[in-house]
Amino acid sequence: MRKLLSAMLLVSLGGCMSANMDQVRSQGAYRSFTSQKPAKDVAQCIEYSWQDEVLSGAAADSHTEPAKDGSLTVMVDSKNFADVRQAGTGSAVAYFAEQGSPLAHQRLAALSTCL
């Protein structure tokens, strides 16, 4: 029963988070990049770099989710995430960050090392 309730809670929160992320996306990316590396490799690198304890003083809970359009979304929360999509043999990255967030520039620097 607990597992069922937990699963239902995650699904309902996921829907809210998706709506919030779509709203953030509609405002445009904080920064956009291209890379010669495949999208899967870039997304994995971003996820690992954002989990680094140096960024937040404690391990951040970043994770990667597949999007409906085939891209990958690496996210910390619904206001701080990166969409990574395949672009030819390389990839395109759109970084969305909460403006004024103290960690936004640190995450941006970590993301840049993955390109």
C-alpha atoms as a PDB file:
ATOM      1  CA  MET A   1       0.000   0.000   0.000  1.00  0.00           C
ATOM      2  CA  ARG A   2       2.827   2.406   0.848  1.00  0.00           C
ATOM      3  CA  LYS A   3       4.493   1.697  -2.483  1.00  0.00           C
ATOM      4  CA  LEU A   4       1.267   2.426  -4.323  1.00  0.00           C
ATOM      5  CA  LEU A   5       0.765   5.721  -2.491  1.00  0.00           C
ATOM      6  CA  SER A   6       4.386   6.710  -3.106  1.00  0.00           C
ATOM      7  CA  ALA A   7       4.047   5.942  -6.803  1.00  0.00           C
ATOM      8  CA  MET A   8       0.837   7.973  -7.047  1.00  0.00           C
ATOM      9  CA  LEU A   9       2.497  10.923  -5.301  1.00  0.00           C
ATOM     10  CA  LEU A  10       5.472  10.845  -7.675  1.00  0.00           C
ATOM     11  CA  VAL A  11       3.217  10.735 -10.731  1.00  0.00           C
ATOM     12  CA  SER A  12       1.132  13.671  -9.513  1.00  0.00           C
ATOM     13  CA  LEU A  13       4.220  15.724  -8.663  1.00  0.00           C
ATOM     14  CA  GLY A  14       5.732  14.894 -12.029  1.00  0.00           C
ATOM     15  CA  GLY A  15       2.752  16.434 -13.785  1.00  0.00           C
ATOM     16  CA  CYS A  16       3.074  19.643 -11.771  1.00  0.00           C
ATOM     17  CA  MET A  17       6.801  19.775 -12.365  1.00  0.00           C
ATOM     18  CA  SER A  18       6.324  19.302 -16.099  1.00  0.00           C
ATOM     19  CA  ALA A  19       3.858  22.205 -16.256  1.00  0.00           C
ATOM     20  CA  ASN A  20       6.290  24.435 -14.335  1.00  0.00           C
ATOM     21  CA  MET A  21       9.157  23.403 -16.600  1.00  0.00           C
ATOM     22  CA  ASP A  22       7.090  24.167 -19.702  1.00  0.00           C
ATOM     23  CA  GLN A  23       6.446  27.636 -18.298  1.00  0.00           C
ATOM     24  CA  VAL A  24      10.182  28.144 -17.699  1.00  0.00           C
ATOM     25  CA  ARG A  25      10.933  26.887 -21.233  1.00  0.00           C
ATOM     26  CA  SER A  26       8.442  29.363 -22.704  1.00  0.00           C
ATOM     27  CA  GLN A  27      10.498  32.206 -21.218  1.00  0.00           C
ATOM     28  CA  GLY A  28      13.592  31.068 -23.118  1.00  0.00           C
ATOM     29  CA  ALA A  29      16.875  29.488 -22.131  1.00  0.00           C
ATOM     30  CA  TYR A  30      19.316  31.224 -19.800  1.00  0.00           C
ATOM     31  CA  ARG A  31      22.126  30.051 -22.115  1.00  0.00           C
ATOM     32  CA  SER A  32      22.338  27.784 -25.177  1.00  0.00           C
ATOM     33  CA  PHE A  33      25.284  25.738 -26.407  1.00  0.00           C
ATOM     34  CA  THR A  34      26.304  23.205 -29.019  1.00  0.00           C
ATOM     35  CA  SER A  35      28.687  20.299 -28.642  1.00  0.00           C
ATOM     36  CA  GLN A  36      30.381  17.816 -30.940  1.00  0.00           C
ATOM     37  CA  LYS A  37      29.607  15.068 -28.388  1.00  0.00           C
ATOM     38  CA  PRO A  38      26.473  12.872 -28.530  1.00  0.00           C
ATOM     39  CA  ALA A  39      23.514  14.084 -26.453  1.00  0.00           C
ATOM     40  CA  LYS A  40      23.582  11.041 -24.165  1.00  0.00           C
ATOM     41  CA  ASP A  41      27.228  11.661 -23.210  1.00  0.00           C
ATOM     42  CA  VAL A  42      26.681  15.377 -22.602  1.00  0.00           C
ATOM     43  CA  ALA A  43      23.571  14.762 -20.483  1.00  0.00           C
ATOM     44  CA  GLN A  44      25.355  12.156 -18.374  1.00  0.00           C
ATOM     45  CA  CYS A  45      28.299  14.496 -17.821  1.00  0.00           C
ATOM     46  CA  ILE A  46      26.003  17.356 -16.763  1.00  0.00           C
ATOM     47  CA  GLU A  47      24.144  15.096 -14.348  1.00  0.00           C
ATOM     48  CA  TYR A  48      27.349  13.912 -12.709  1.00  0.00           C
ATOM     49  CA  SER A  49      28.881  17.385 -12.542  1.00  0.00           C
ATOM     50  CA  TRP A  50      25.747  18.816 -10.920  1.00  0.00           C
ATOM     51  CA  GLN A  51      25.813  16.061  -8.315  1.00  0.00           C
ATOM     52  CA  ASP A  52      29.267  17.192  -7.250  1.00  0.00           C
ATOM     53  CA  GLU A  53      29.262  18.220  -3.593  1.00  0.00           C
ATOM     54  CA  VAL A  54      31.418  21.256  -4.378  1.00  0.00           C
ATOM     55  CA  LEU A  55      28.449  22.942  -6.055  1.00  0.00           C
ATOM     56  CA  SER A  56      26.063  22.828  -3.154  1.00  0.00           C
ATOM     57  CA  GLY A  57      27.932  21.789  -0.037  1.00  0.00           C
ATOM     58  CA  ALA A  58      25.971  18.541  -0.125  1.00  0.00           C
ATOM     59  CA  ALA A  59      25.197  16.120  -2.906  1.00  0.00           C
ATOM     60  CA  ALA A  60      22.576  17.626  -5.205  1.00  0.00           C
ATOM     61  CA  ASP A  61      19.757  15.434  -6.393  1.00  0.00           C
ATOM     62  CA  SER A  62      20.161  15.932 -10.132  1.00  0.00           C
ATOM     63  CA  HIS A  63      18.830  13.296 -12.471  1.00  0.00           C
ATOM     64  CA  THR A  64      18.111  12.758 -16.157  1.00  0.00           C
ATOM     65  CA  GLU A  65      14.703  12.123 -17.679  1.00  0.00           C
ATOM     66  CA  PRO A  66      13.788  11.434 -21.309  1.00  0.00           C
ATOM     67  CA  ALA A  67      11.502  14.049 -22.864  1.00  0.00           C
ATOM     68  CA  LYS A  68       8.601  13.456 -25.245  1.00  0.00           C
ATOM     69  CA  ASP A  69      10.569  14.782 -28.218  1.00  0.00           C
ATOM     70  CA  GLY A  70      13.468  12.368 -27.690  1.00  0.00           C
ATOM     71  CA  SER A  71      15.715  14.858 -25.922  1.00  0.00           C
ATOM     72  CA  LEU A  72      17.073  14.391 -22.409  1.00  0.00           C
ATOM     73  CA  THR A  73      16.373  16.723 -19.489  1.00  0.00           C
ATOM     74  CA  VAL A  74      18.937  16.940 -16.700  1.00  0.00           C
ATOM     75  CA  MET A  75      17.315  18.570 -13.733  1.00  0.00           C
ATOM     76  CA  VAL A  76      17.856  19.714 -10.192  1.00  0.00           C
ATOM     77  CA  ASP A  77      14.326  21.102  -9.896  1.00  0.00           C
ATOM     78  CA  SER A  78      11.647  22.602 -12.145  1.00  0.00           C
ATOM     79  CA  LYS A  79      13.499  25.931 -12.428  1.00  0.00           C
ATOM     80  CA  ASN A  80      17.059  24.638 -12.873  1.00  0.00           C
ATOM     81  CA  PHE A  81      17.545  22.175 -15.701  1.00  0.00           C
ATOM     82  CA  ALA A  82      19.173  21.553 -19.066  1.00  0.00           C
ATOM     83  CA  ASP A  83      17.525  20.147 -22.178  1.00  0.00           C
ATOM     84  CA  VAL A  84      20.001  18.159 -24.275  1.00  0.00           C
ATOM     85  CA  ARG A  85      19.010  17.024 -27.758  1.00  0.00           C
ATOM     86  CA  GLN A  86      20.842  15.290 -30.555  1.00  0.00           C
ATOM     87  CA  ALA A  87      21.830  17.686 -33.358  1.00  0.00           C
ATOM     88  CA  GLY A  88      23.429  15.806 -36.220  1.00  0.00           C
ATOM     89  CA  THR A  89      26.458  13.984 -34.831  1.00  0.00           C
ATOM     90  CA  GLY A  90      26.679  16.420 -31.906  1.00  0.00           C
ATOM     91  CA  SER A  91      24.175  17.925 -29.526  1.00  0.00           C
ATOM     92  CA  ALA A  92      22.428  21.156 -28.571  1.00  0.00           C
ATOM     93  CA  VAL A  93      22.012  22.195 -24.938  1.00  0.00           C
ATOM     94  CA  ALA A  94      19.514  24.703 -23.553  1.00  0.00           C
ATOM     95  CA  TYR A  95      20.231  25.654 -19.936  1.00  0.00           C
ATOM     96  CA  PHE A  96      17.351  27.012 -17.875  1.00  0.00           C
ATOM     97  CA  ALA A  97      18.128  28.570 -14.519  1.00  0.00           C
ATOM     98  CA  GLU A  98      16.298  30.522 -11.887  1.00  0.00           C
ATOM     99  CA  GLN A  99      17.504  34.075 -12.394  1.00  0.00           C
ATOM    100  CA  GLY A 100      19.477  35.322  -9.417  1.00  0.00           C
ATOM    101  CA  SER A 101      20.061  31.832  -8.063  1.00  0.00           C
ATOM    102  CA  PRO A 102      23.462  31.724  -6.350  1.00  0.00           C
ATOM    103  CA  LEU A 103      24.163  28.315  -7.844  1.00  0.00           C
ATOM    104  CA  ALA A 104      23.136  29.196 -11.421  1.00  0.00           C
ATOM    105  CA  HIS A 105      26.617  30.389 -12.427  1.00  0.00           C
ATOM    106  CA  GLN A 106      28.302  27.428 -10.744  1.00  0.00           C
ATOM    107  CA  ARG A 107      26.009  24.997 -12.557  1.00  0.00           C
ATOM    108  CA  LEU A 108      26.646  26.874 -15.792  1.00  0.00           C
ATOM    109  CA  ALA A 109      30.404  26.504 -15.308  1.00  0.00           C
ATOM    110  CA  ALA A 110      30.022  22.785 -14.535  1.00  0.00           C
ATOM    111  CA  LEU A 111      27.801  22.323 -17.593  1.00  0.00           C
ATOM    112  CA  SER A 112      30.370  24.097 -19.785  1.00  0.00           C
ATOM    113  CA  THR A 113      33.002  21.488 -18.952  1.00  0.00           C
ATOM    114  CA  CYS A 114      30.776  18.834 -20.517  1.00  0.00           C
ATOM    115  CA  LEU A 115      30.609  20.394 -23.958  1.00  0.00           C
END
